[in-house]
Amino acid sequence: MAPVIQQERDLINFHMPTAFMIAGLLYLLMPVAVWMLLRSRNNLGLTVWCSGSEIFGVSLILLSLRDVVPEVVSFPLANFLLFFGSLLRLESLRMALGRPLGLVRVVFSALAMVCVYELLRRFSLQPKLHFLWSIALLIGLFGCLSWTSSQIARRDGSHSALWMSFIYVPVILTLLLRFVMVSMDVAMPGVLHNDFAGYGMVIFGVFSAVISQFAYLGVHVEASIQSEMAAVAAKAKLEESLVLGQQIAQLDRVRSVGQLSTSLAHELGQPLTNINLLIQCAESELQALPGPAAQALSGHMKDMARSTQLAIDILQRIRRFIQGKSVEKTRISVNVIAIEVADLLRDWMTLERVRPVFNFPQGELCVLGDGVQLSQILMNVYRNAVQATSGHQDRQLRITVRRAGDQVLVQIEDNGPGLSSETMAQMDQPFFSTKPDGLGVGLSISRAIAEQHGGSLQIANGPEGGACVTLTLPLEA
């Protein structure tokens, strides 16, 4: 075996080891530059790629020193690093595809490759078999690198990955040519011989060392650009959806106020009428009782102030409701809101001959929220429930407020026909409505308000027929 090795070393040309040394140094330097540029990404695949390239570069340097270093370094160690470095780079690309082999499998694969190489080198009667084995492995590894790069290019549309897949093709062809030449005894086995195939391996190896690193850098840059573009598009879509949602909510508020104009007129008219009556009483008292008239006038003025303030509060609520202005969340009694909204709909319910039935706990249940927005939910649910009972003789609306752990539940049940399976299936679709003139946004708006308050809005069919809407809100102790 020793004479064969000595014969192989005698044929080594000085320029070939130098070329391999240059290629190895490039494989050492280029990954460092790539890692410095991409280190902020904290990407495991990047670390595996750069480590594989560094190890591959060390193997080339050891191969270039085969004439001056011990045999155990220039053969077993150099070939193990050669296979292991190539496998690590392949593992990095497979990680990008989401199909990693695993570090343990990579290490054992490299060990198996070099063990077969050493067995052939030491015990085979044919000196060229170990060389053909190593060339065949490199052809397979570079082929896998090229194929995996092309898969990344097809998946992501990456031009850099496509270039990476092309750059390995000349290396594969050169290795294949060397394999055929050695197999046919046209060339001597060994990577450092001064022949056409040897120089081709060096030239294309150096070329691939540079281009593959730039291509890998380009893959990450393109992925970053695509990610940023997707984030910008998603942000623009979200902002567009928010604007559209605000416009739809505004339209629904205006529509709701138009439908409730009769009830609102009644609520506004009543305190104004009381003011007029109180003023007339004050004038009568002053005329009939000139002595103590000041005291009576003072009491009436207080009542007038309260009624006037009530009218102002109602007007302000209407303005906020229409304009959609944000209001700071305060502690609100759910019982009071449920009754107030029913009072706003009282005249309409009377005309519709719907009888509301309330079921409240002994004590008040409070939540932290915006009273106007929560009222909007109940208005929408009450209105839908009343319309659902159309056609029934005894039309009822049952409103139940109860506590469930740290939550407050407001259940609104009607005795209508309930919801069909088709309607339930389409309930979550935007702009779906069971009404001919409906916009199909009331439910989505109500659910959005409930979620903004940390709660939820669920719709189902009640156990006794009819629909049951459950508004769940966090309890404010």
Protein backbone atom coordinates (compact mmCIF):
# COMPACT_ATOMS: atom_id res chain seq x y z
CA MET A 1 0.00 0.00 0.00
CA ALA A 2 2.85 2.40 0.85
CA PRO A 3 4.42 2.21 -2.66
CA VAL A 4 1.08 3.05 -4.20
CA ILE A 5 0.68 6.09 -1.96
CA GLN A 6 4.25 7.16 -2.67
CA GLN A 7 3.66 6.81 -6.41
CA GLU A 8 0.53 8.95 -6.12
CA ARG A 9 2.43 11.65 -4.20
CA ASP A 10 5.29 11.67 -6.69
CA LEU A 11 2.85 12.73 -9.40
CA ILE A 12 1.63 15.74 -7.45
CA ASN A 13 2.36 19.04 -9.14
CA PHE A 14 3.27 22.10 -7.07
CA HIS A 15 0.63 24.35 -8.61
CA MET A 16 -2.29 22.05 -7.85
CA PRO A 17 -1.79 22.07 -4.05
CA THR A 18 -1.51 25.85 -4.21
CA ALA A 19 -4.80 26.06 -6.09
CA PHE A 20 -6.48 23.80 -3.52
CA MET A 21 -5.06 25.99 -0.75
CA ILE A 22 -6.57 29.09 -2.39
CA ALA A 23 -9.93 27.38 -2.75
CA GLY A 24 -9.82 26.31 0.91
CA LEU A 25 -8.99 29.83 2.08
CA LEU A 26 -11.91 31.21 0.08
CA TYR A 27 -14.22 28.69 1.73
CA LEU A 28 -12.89 29.92 5.08
CA LEU A 29 -13.19 33.64 4.42
CA MET A 30 -16.45 33.91 2.46
CA PRO A 31 -18.72 32.29 5.10
CA VAL A 32 -17.34 34.68 7.73
CA ALA A 33 -18.43 37.64 5.60
CA VAL A 34 -21.86 36.07 5.07
CA TRP A 35 -22.28 35.38 8.77
CA MET A 36 -21.27 38.94 9.70
CA LEU A 37 -23.86 40.36 7.31
CA LEU A 38 -26.69 38.07 8.49
CA ARG A 39 -25.80 37.48 12.15
CA SER A 40 -28.61 39.76 13.36
CA ARG A 41 -31.16 37.24 12.07
CA ASN A 42 -30.14 34.67 14.70
CA ASN A 43 -30.91 31.90 12.21
CA LEU A 44 -29.83 28.33 12.97
CA GLY A 45 -29.74 27.47 9.26
CA LEU A 46 -27.25 30.31 8.71
CA THR A 47 -24.96 28.94 11.42
CA VAL A 48 -25.12 25.44 9.94
CA TRP A 49 -24.34 26.73 6.44
CA CYS A 50 -21.36 28.83 7.54
CA SER A 51 -20.04 26.01 9.74
CA GLY A 52 -20.31 23.56 6.85
CA SER A 53 -18.50 25.93 4.52
CA GLU A 54 -15.72 26.48 7.07
CA ILE A 55 -15.30 22.73 7.59
CA PHE A 56 -15.26 22.16 3.84
CA GLY A 57 -12.56 24.83 3.50
CA VAL A 58 -10.42 23.14 6.18
CA SER A 59 -10.71 19.84 4.30
CA LEU A 60 -9.45 21.46 1.09
CA ILE A 61 -6.46 22.93 2.94
CA LEU A 62 -5.64 19.53 4.43
CA LEU A 63 -5.88 17.97 0.97
CA SER A 64 -3.49 20.59 -0.38
CA LEU A 65 -1.01 19.65 2.37
CA ARG A 66 -1.23 15.91 1.70
CA ASP A 67 2.47 15.80 0.77
CA VAL A 68 3.68 17.28 4.07
CA VAL A 69 1.17 16.23 6.77
CA PRO A 70 0.70 12.80 8.36
CA GLU A 71 -1.40 10.30 6.45
CA VAL A 72 -4.10 10.15 9.11
CA VAL A 73 -4.67 13.89 8.67
CA SER A 74 -4.56 14.08 4.90
CA PHE A 75 -6.74 11.01 4.29
CA PRO A 76 -9.27 10.02 6.99
CA LEU A 77 -9.61 13.43 8.66
CA ALA A 78 -9.55 15.45 5.42
CA ASN A 79 -12.17 13.23 3.77
CA PHE A 80 -14.40 13.19 6.86
CA LEU A 81 -14.36 17.01 6.94
CA LEU A 82 -15.00 17.07 3.19
CA PHE A 83 -18.12 14.91 3.51
CA PHE A 84 -19.28 16.45 6.80
CA GLY A 85 -18.95 20.03 5.49
CA SER A 86 -20.93 19.18 2.37
CA LEU A 87 -23.64 17.46 4.43
CA LEU A 88 -23.91 20.47 6.76
CA ARG A 89 -24.48 22.82 3.83
CA LEU A 90 -27.10 20.44 2.48
CA GLU A 91 -28.70 20.31 5.94
CA SER A 92 -28.92 24.12 5.99
CA LEU A 93 -30.81 24.14 2.69
CA ARG A 94 -33.09 21.35 3.88
CA MET A 95 -33.81 23.36 7.03
CA ALA A 96 -34.91 26.22 4.80
CA LEU A 97 -37.36 23.80 3.16
CA GLY A 98 -38.57 22.55 6.53
CA ARG A 99 -37.18 19.03 5.93
CA PRO A 100 -34.01 18.77 8.07
CA LEU A 101 -32.16 15.48 8.43
CA GLY A 102 -30.96 16.18 11.97
CA LEU A 103 -27.41 16.73 13.21
CA VAL A 104 -27.03 13.17 14.51
CA ARG A 105 -27.94 11.69 11.14
CA VAL A 106 -25.56 14.09 9.39
CA VAL A 107 -22.64 13.10 11.65
CA PHE A 108 -23.28 9.37 11.29
CA SER A 109 -23.63 9.71 7.52
CA ALA A 110 -20.25 11.45 7.28
CA LEU A 111 -18.65 8.80 9.50
CA ALA A 112 -20.13 5.99 7.38
CA MET A 113 -18.82 7.61 4.21
CA VAL A 114 -15.28 7.99 5.50
CA CYS A 115 -15.28 4.48 7.01
CA VAL A 116 -16.12 2.94 3.64
CA TYR A 117 -13.45 5.16 2.08
CA GLU A 118 -10.81 3.96 4.55
CA LEU A 119 -11.78 0.31 4.13
CA LEU A 120 -11.40 0.60 0.37
CA ARG A 121 -8.13 2.53 0.67
CA ARG A 122 -6.50 0.06 3.03
CA PHE A 123 -7.86 -3.34 2.01
CA SER A 124 -9.00 -3.10 -1.62
CA LEU A 125 -6.81 -4.70 -4.26
CA GLN A 126 -7.75 -1.88 -6.62
CA PRO A 127 -6.05 1.39 -5.50
CA LYS A 128 -8.51 3.53 -7.43
CA LEU A 129 -11.67 2.26 -5.70
CA HIS A 130 -11.35 4.53 -2.67
CA PHE A 131 -10.85 7.53 -4.97
CA LEU A 132 -13.84 6.59 -7.13
CA TRP A 133 -15.90 6.18 -3.98
CA SER A 134 -15.01 9.70 -2.75
CA ILE A 135 -15.69 11.23 -6.19
CA ALA A 136 -19.05 9.43 -6.40
CA LEU A 137 -19.99 10.76 -2.95
CA LEU A 138 -19.04 14.32 -3.91
CA ILE A 139 -21.07 14.04 -7.13
CA GLY A 140 -24.05 12.90 -5.09
CA LEU A 141 -23.61 15.61 -2.42
CA PHE A 142 -23.20 18.43 -4.92
CA GLY A 143 -26.14 17.04 -6.88
CA CYS A 144 -28.27 17.16 -3.71
CA LEU A 145 -27.12 20.75 -3.08
CA SER A 146 -28.12 21.71 -6.62
CA TRP A 147 -31.48 19.93 -6.43
CA THR A 148 -32.37 21.35 -2.99
CA SER A 149 -31.46 24.86 -4.16
CA SER A 150 -33.74 24.45 -7.17
CA GLN A 151 -36.59 23.40 -4.83
CA ILE A 152 -36.12 26.58 -2.80
CA ALA A 153 -36.10 28.57 -6.04
CA ARG A 154 -39.38 26.99 -7.18
CA ARG A 155 -41.06 27.45 -3.80
CA ASP A 156 -40.00 31.04 -3.10
CA GLY A 157 -39.30 32.30 -6.62
CA SER A 158 -35.75 33.05 -5.47
CA HIS A 159 -33.33 33.99 -8.23
CA SER A 160 -30.38 33.55 -5.87
CA ALA A 161 -31.37 29.96 -5.08
CA LEU A 162 -31.68 29.32 -8.81
CA TRP A 163 -28.16 30.64 -9.35
CA MET A 164 -26.92 28.39 -6.54
CA SER A 165 -28.46 25.35 -8.22
CA PHE A 166 -26.71 26.25 -11.51
CA ILE A 167 -23.29 26.93 -9.98
CA TYR A 168 -22.93 23.34 -8.79
CA VAL A 169 -23.59 21.87 -12.25
CA PRO A 170 -20.07 22.54 -13.69
CA VAL A 171 -18.52 21.10 -10.52
CA ILE A 172 -20.66 17.96 -10.88
CA LEU A 173 -19.76 17.57 -14.56
CA THR A 174 -16.06 18.00 -13.84
CA LEU A 175 -16.17 15.43 -11.04
CA LEU A 176 -18.11 13.09 -13.32
CA LEU A 177 -15.47 13.51 -16.05
CA ARG A 178 -12.72 12.73 -13.55
CA PHE A 179 -14.67 9.66 -12.37
CA VAL A 180 -14.95 8.34 -15.94
CA MET A 181 -11.29 9.04 -16.74
CA VAL A 182 -10.05 7.21 -13.66
CA SER A 183 -12.48 4.34 -14.22
CA MET A 184 -11.15 3.88 -17.74
CA ASP A 185 -7.53 4.22 -16.54
CA VAL A 186 -7.11 7.32 -18.67
CA ALA A 187 -6.06 9.32 -15.61
CA MET A 188 -4.40 8.43 -12.32
CA PRO A 189 -6.52 8.47 -9.14
CA GLY A 190 -5.99 11.48 -6.92
CA VAL A 191 -7.30 15.03 -6.72
CA LEU A 192 -4.00 16.87 -7.06
CA HIS A 193 -2.83 15.63 -10.47
CA ASN A 194 -1.91 18.17 -13.09
CA ASP A 195 -4.41 17.36 -15.83
CA PHE A 196 -7.45 18.89 -17.50
CA ALA A 197 -9.96 17.42 -15.07
CA GLY A 198 -7.85 18.43 -12.08
CA TYR A 199 -7.62 22.04 -13.18
CA GLY A 200 -11.35 22.02 -13.98
CA MET A 201 -12.12 20.84 -10.46
CA VAL A 202 -10.03 23.67 -8.99
CA ILE A 203 -11.39 26.41 -11.27
CA PHE A 204 -15.02 25.49 -10.83
CA GLY A 205 -14.45 24.75 -7.13
CA VAL A 206 -13.10 28.27 -6.57
CA PHE A 207 -15.90 29.72 -8.66
CA SER A 208 -18.55 27.80 -6.68
CA ALA A 209 -16.93 28.83 -3.37
CA VAL A 210 -17.52 32.50 -4.18
CA ILE A 211 -20.83 32.34 -6.02
CA SER A 212 -22.50 29.89 -3.62
CA GLN A 213 -21.82 32.19 -0.66
CA PHE A 214 -23.18 35.21 -2.48
CA ALA A 215 -26.16 33.15 -3.62
CA TYR A 216 -26.87 32.01 -0.06
CA LEU A 217 -26.66 35.63 1.08
CA GLY A 218 -29.05 36.56 -1.73
CA VAL A 219 -31.54 33.88 -0.66
CA HIS A 220 -31.76 35.46 2.80
CA VAL A 221 -31.97 38.99 1.40
CA GLU A 222 -34.77 38.01 -0.98
CA ALA A 223 -36.61 36.21 1.82
CA SER A 224 -36.28 39.32 4.00
CA ILE A 225 -37.62 41.55 1.21
CA GLN A 226 -40.55 39.20 0.59
CA SER A 227 -41.29 39.07 4.31
CA GLU A 228 -41.22 42.85 4.59
CA MET A 229 -43.44 43.22 1.52
CA ALA A 230 -45.91 40.70 2.96
CA ALA A 231 -45.91 42.56 6.28
CA VAL A 232 -46.53 45.88 4.52
CA ALA A 233 -49.34 44.34 2.45
CA ALA A 234 -50.90 42.79 5.55
CA LYS A 235 -50.67 46.09 7.41
CA ALA A 236 -52.23 47.96 4.49
CA LYS A 237 -55.02 45.37 4.28
CA LEU A 238 -55.62 45.64 8.02
CA GLU A 239 -55.74 49.43 7.89
CA GLU A 240 -58.13 49.24 4.94
CA SER A 241 -60.33 46.80 6.85
CA LEU A 242 -60.32 49.05 9.91
CA VAL A 243 -61.33 52.07 7.86
CA LEU A 244 -64.06 50.07 6.13
CA GLY A 245 -65.24 48.73 9.48
CA GLN A 246 -65.44 52.24 10.91
CA GLN A 247 -67.40 53.44 7.89
CA ILE A 248 -69.82 50.54 8.15
CA ALA A 249 -70.20 51.08 11.89
CA GLN A 250 -70.94 54.73 11.25
CA LEU A 251 -73.57 53.80 8.67
CA ASP A 252 -75.18 51.34 11.09
CA ARG A 253 -75.34 53.98 13.83
CA VAL A 254 -77.04 56.45 11.53
CA ARG A 255 -79.51 53.78 10.38
CA SER A 256 -80.24 52.81 13.98
CA VAL A 257 -80.93 56.40 14.99
CA GLY A 258 -83.31 56.77 12.05
CA GLN A 259 -85.29 53.71 13.11
CA LEU A 260 -85.39 54.86 16.73
CA SER A 261 -86.37 58.45 15.99
CA THR A 262 -89.91 58.02 17.41
CA SER A 263 -88.67 56.66 20.75
CA LEU A 264 -85.97 59.29 20.99
CA ALA A 265 -88.49 62.05 20.29
CA HIS A 266 -90.64 60.72 23.14
CA GLU A 267 -87.67 60.62 25.53
CA LEU A 268 -86.66 64.14 24.60
CA GLY A 269 -90.21 65.48 24.67
CA GLN A 270 -91.00 64.23 28.15
CA PRO A 271 -88.35 66.22 30.09
CA LEU A 272 -89.06 69.32 28.01
CA THR A 273 -92.78 69.02 28.83
CA ASN A 274 -91.92 68.67 32.52
CA ILE A 275 -89.89 71.84 32.30
CA ASN A 276 -92.86 73.72 30.88
CA LEU A 277 -95.20 72.38 33.57
CA LEU A 278 -92.73 73.28 36.30
CA ILE A 279 -92.42 76.78 34.92
CA GLN A 280 -96.22 77.17 34.92
CA CYS A 281 -96.41 75.91 38.50
CA ALA A 282 -93.72 78.33 39.53
CA GLU A 283 -95.65 81.24 38.01
CA SER A 284 -98.88 80.16 39.78
CA GLU A 285 -97.09 79.80 43.08
CA LEU A 286 -95.59 83.23 42.79
CA GLN A 287 -98.94 84.78 42.08
CA ALA A 288 -100.94 82.93 44.75
CA LEU A 289 -98.33 82.82 47.50
CA PRO A 290 -96.22 85.95 47.34
CA GLY A 291 -94.84 85.34 50.83
CA PRO A 292 -93.29 81.86 50.74
CA ALA A 293 -93.10 81.86 46.95
CA ALA A 294 -89.28 82.06 47.03
CA GLN A 295 -89.00 78.72 48.82
CA ALA A 296 -91.41 76.96 46.45
CA LEU A 297 -89.67 78.52 43.47
CA SER A 298 -86.36 77.15 44.68
CA GLY A 299 -87.72 73.60 44.79
CA HIS A 300 -89.24 73.86 41.34
CA MET A 301 -86.02 75.29 39.96
CA LYS A 302 -84.15 72.24 41.22
CA ASP A 303 -86.59 69.95 39.45
CA MET A 304 -86.25 72.04 36.34
CA ALA A 305 -82.47 71.74 36.52
CA ARG A 306 -82.66 67.95 36.84
CA SER A 307 -85.04 67.62 33.90
CA THR A 308 -82.95 69.95 31.79
CA GLN A 309 -79.80 68.00 32.60
CA LEU A 310 -81.55 64.80 31.61
CA ALA A 311 -82.38 66.28 28.22
CA ILE A 312 -78.79 67.42 27.78
CA ASP A 313 -77.46 63.96 28.67
CA ILE A 314 -79.74 62.31 26.14
CA LEU A 315 -78.69 64.74 23.43
CA GLN A 316 -75.01 64.20 24.18
CA ARG A 317 -75.46 60.43 24.05
CA ILE A 318 -77.16 60.72 20.67
CA ARG A 319 -74.33 62.88 19.32
CA ARG A 320 -71.65 60.46 20.55
CA PHE A 321 -73.62 57.54 19.18
CA ILE A 322 -73.87 59.12 15.72
CA GLN A 323 -70.34 60.54 15.59
CA GLY A 324 -68.72 57.36 16.92
CA LYS A 325 -66.42 59.24 19.28
CA SER A 326 -64.42 57.17 21.75
CA VAL A 327 -65.36 57.46 25.40
CA GLU A 328 -63.30 56.43 28.38
CA LYS A 329 -64.49 53.22 29.97
CA THR A 330 -66.28 53.56 33.27
CA ARG A 331 -67.97 51.27 35.78
CA ILE A 332 -71.42 50.52 34.38
CA SER A 333 -74.38 48.58 35.77
CA VAL A 334 -75.48 45.95 33.27
CA ASN A 335 -78.95 45.94 34.84
CA VAL A 336 -79.36 49.67 34.22
CA ILE A 337 -78.17 49.47 30.59
CA ALA A 338 -80.51 46.59 29.84
CA ILE A 339 -83.48 48.60 31.15
CA GLU A 340 -82.42 51.90 29.55
CA VAL A 341 -82.12 50.36 26.10
CA ALA A 342 -85.52 48.71 26.52
CA ASP A 343 -86.94 52.09 27.54
CA LEU A 344 -85.55 53.65 24.37
CA LEU A 345 -87.38 50.97 22.38
CA ARG A 346 -90.52 51.09 24.51
CA ASP A 347 -92.76 52.88 22.03
CA TRP A 348 -91.62 50.70 19.15
CA MET A 349 -92.09 47.54 21.22
CA THR A 350 -95.56 48.72 22.17
CA LEU A 351 -96.46 49.24 18.53
CA GLU A 352 -95.06 45.79 17.74
CA ARG A 353 -96.97 44.35 20.74
CA VAL A 354 -93.86 42.80 22.21
CA ARG A 355 -93.76 42.33 25.98
CA PRO A 356 -90.24 42.48 27.49
CA VAL A 357 -89.66 40.34 30.59
CA PHE A 358 -86.66 41.04 32.82
CA ASN A 359 -84.92 38.57 35.11
CA PHE A 360 -82.28 40.30 37.21
CA PRO A 361 -80.27 39.13 40.25
CA GLN A 362 -80.82 40.76 43.62
CA GLY A 363 -77.72 42.91 43.44
CA GLU A 364 -76.40 44.92 40.53
CA LEU A 365 -73.75 43.41 38.24
CA CYS A 366 -71.24 45.92 36.89
CA VAL A 367 -68.68 45.90 34.09
CA LEU A 368 -65.96 48.28 32.95
CA GLY A 369 -66.81 49.69 29.56
CA ASP A 370 -68.33 52.29 27.26
CA GLY A 371 -72.04 52.62 27.97
CA VAL A 372 -72.85 53.91 24.48
CA GLN A 373 -71.10 50.99 22.75
CA LEU A 374 -72.64 48.39 25.05
CA SER A 375 -76.03 50.00 24.47
CA GLN A 376 -75.45 49.65 20.74
CA ILE A 377 -75.03 45.87 21.17
CA LEU A 378 -78.27 45.54 23.14
CA MET A 379 -80.15 47.81 20.72
CA ASN A 380 -79.12 45.64 17.81
CA VAL A 381 -80.00 42.41 19.63
CA TYR A 382 -83.34 43.72 20.98
CA ARG A 383 -84.32 44.97 17.54
CA ASN A 384 -83.48 41.65 15.87
CA ALA A 385 -85.28 39.68 18.58
CA VAL A 386 -88.47 41.77 18.24
CA GLN A 387 -88.41 41.38 14.46
CA ALA A 388 -87.90 37.62 14.84
CA THR A 389 -91.21 37.29 16.75
CA SER A 390 -93.23 38.80 13.91
CA GLY A 391 -96.32 36.71 13.22
CA HIS A 392 -96.71 35.31 16.75
CA GLN A 393 -99.72 36.21 18.87
CA ASP A 394 -97.94 36.35 22.22
CA ARG A 395 -94.65 38.00 21.30
CA GLN A 396 -92.15 37.95 24.16
CA LEU A 397 -88.62 39.15 24.79
CA ARG A 398 -86.85 37.66 27.82
CA ILE A 399 -83.79 39.51 29.14
CA THR A 400 -81.77 37.70 31.81
CA VAL A 401 -78.74 39.10 33.60
CA ARG A 402 -76.73 36.71 35.77
CA ARG A 403 -73.26 36.04 37.04
CA ALA A 404 -71.11 33.08 35.95
CA GLY A 405 -67.82 33.05 37.86
CA ASP A 406 -65.96 36.23 37.01
CA GLN A 407 -68.20 36.93 34.01
CA VAL A 408 -71.51 38.74 33.55
CA LEU A 409 -73.94 37.07 31.13
CA VAL A 410 -76.75 38.95 29.41
CA GLN A 411 -79.10 36.53 27.62
CA ILE A 412 -81.76 37.81 25.24
CA GLU A 413 -84.28 35.16 24.19
CA ASP A 414 -87.27 35.49 21.88
CA ASN A 415 -90.13 33.13 21.12
CA GLY A 416 -89.68 33.32 17.34
CA PRO A 417 -89.03 30.41 14.99
CA GLY A 418 -85.29 30.29 15.77
CA LEU A 419 -82.42 30.07 13.32
CA SER A 420 -82.17 27.49 10.57
CA SER A 421 -79.02 25.41 10.05
CA GLU A 422 -78.31 27.30 6.81
CA THR A 423 -78.53 30.63 8.62
CA MET A 424 -76.27 29.41 11.43
CA ALA A 425 -73.70 28.24 8.88
CA GLN A 426 -73.57 31.67 7.21
CA MET A 427 -73.84 33.73 10.39
CA ASP A 428 -70.11 34.55 10.54
CA GLN A 429 -69.84 35.58 6.89
CA PRO A 430 -69.40 39.35 6.32
CA PHE A 431 -72.48 41.25 5.06
CA PHE A 432 -74.78 38.26 5.50
CA SER A 433 -78.29 39.29 6.56
CA THR A 434 -81.66 37.55 6.80
CA LYS A 435 -83.45 40.84 6.16
CA PRO A 436 -84.12 42.06 2.61
CA ASP A 437 -82.93 45.58 3.53
CA GLY A 438 -80.25 44.49 5.99
CA LEU A 439 -76.58 45.40 5.61
CA GLY A 440 -75.35 42.31 7.40
CA VAL A 441 -72.96 44.27 9.63
CA GLY A 442 -74.87 44.50 12.91
CA LEU A 443 -73.62 41.17 14.21
CA SER A 444 -69.98 41.79 13.23
CA ILE A 445 -70.03 45.25 14.82
CA SER A 446 -71.63 43.93 18.00
CA ARG A 447 -69.10 41.12 18.24
CA ALA A 448 -66.23 43.55 17.68
CA ILE A 449 -67.49 45.79 20.50
CA ALA A 450 -67.86 42.79 22.81
CA GLU A 451 -64.31 41.62 22.03
CA GLN A 452 -62.97 45.14 22.63
CA HIS A 453 -64.50 44.90 26.11
CA GLY A 454 -62.82 41.53 26.71
CA GLY A 455 -66.04 39.57 26.15
CA SER A 456 -67.89 37.71 23.45
CA LEU A 457 -71.26 37.49 21.68
CA GLN A 458 -72.72 34.08 20.93
CA ILE A 459 -75.90 33.15 19.02
CA ALA A 460 -77.75 29.85 19.29
CA ASN A 461 -81.25 28.41 19.36
CA GLY A 462 -82.89 28.38 22.78
CA PRO A 463 -84.06 25.17 24.46
CA GLU A 464 -87.72 26.26 24.20
CA GLY A 465 -87.52 27.50 20.64
CA GLY A 466 -86.53 30.89 19.35
CA ALA A 467 -83.07 32.43 19.23
CA CYS A 468 -80.86 33.05 22.25
CA VAL A 469 -78.11 35.68 22.15
CA THR A 470 -75.58 35.65 24.99
CA LEU A 471 -73.38 38.69 25.69
CA THR A 472 -70.49 37.81 28.01
CA LEU A 473 -68.46 40.55 29.71
CA PRO A 474 -65.79 40.54 32.45
CA LEU A 475 -67.25 41.29 35.89
CA GLU A 476 -66.07 44.49 37.53
CA ALA A 477 -65.98 43.91 41.29
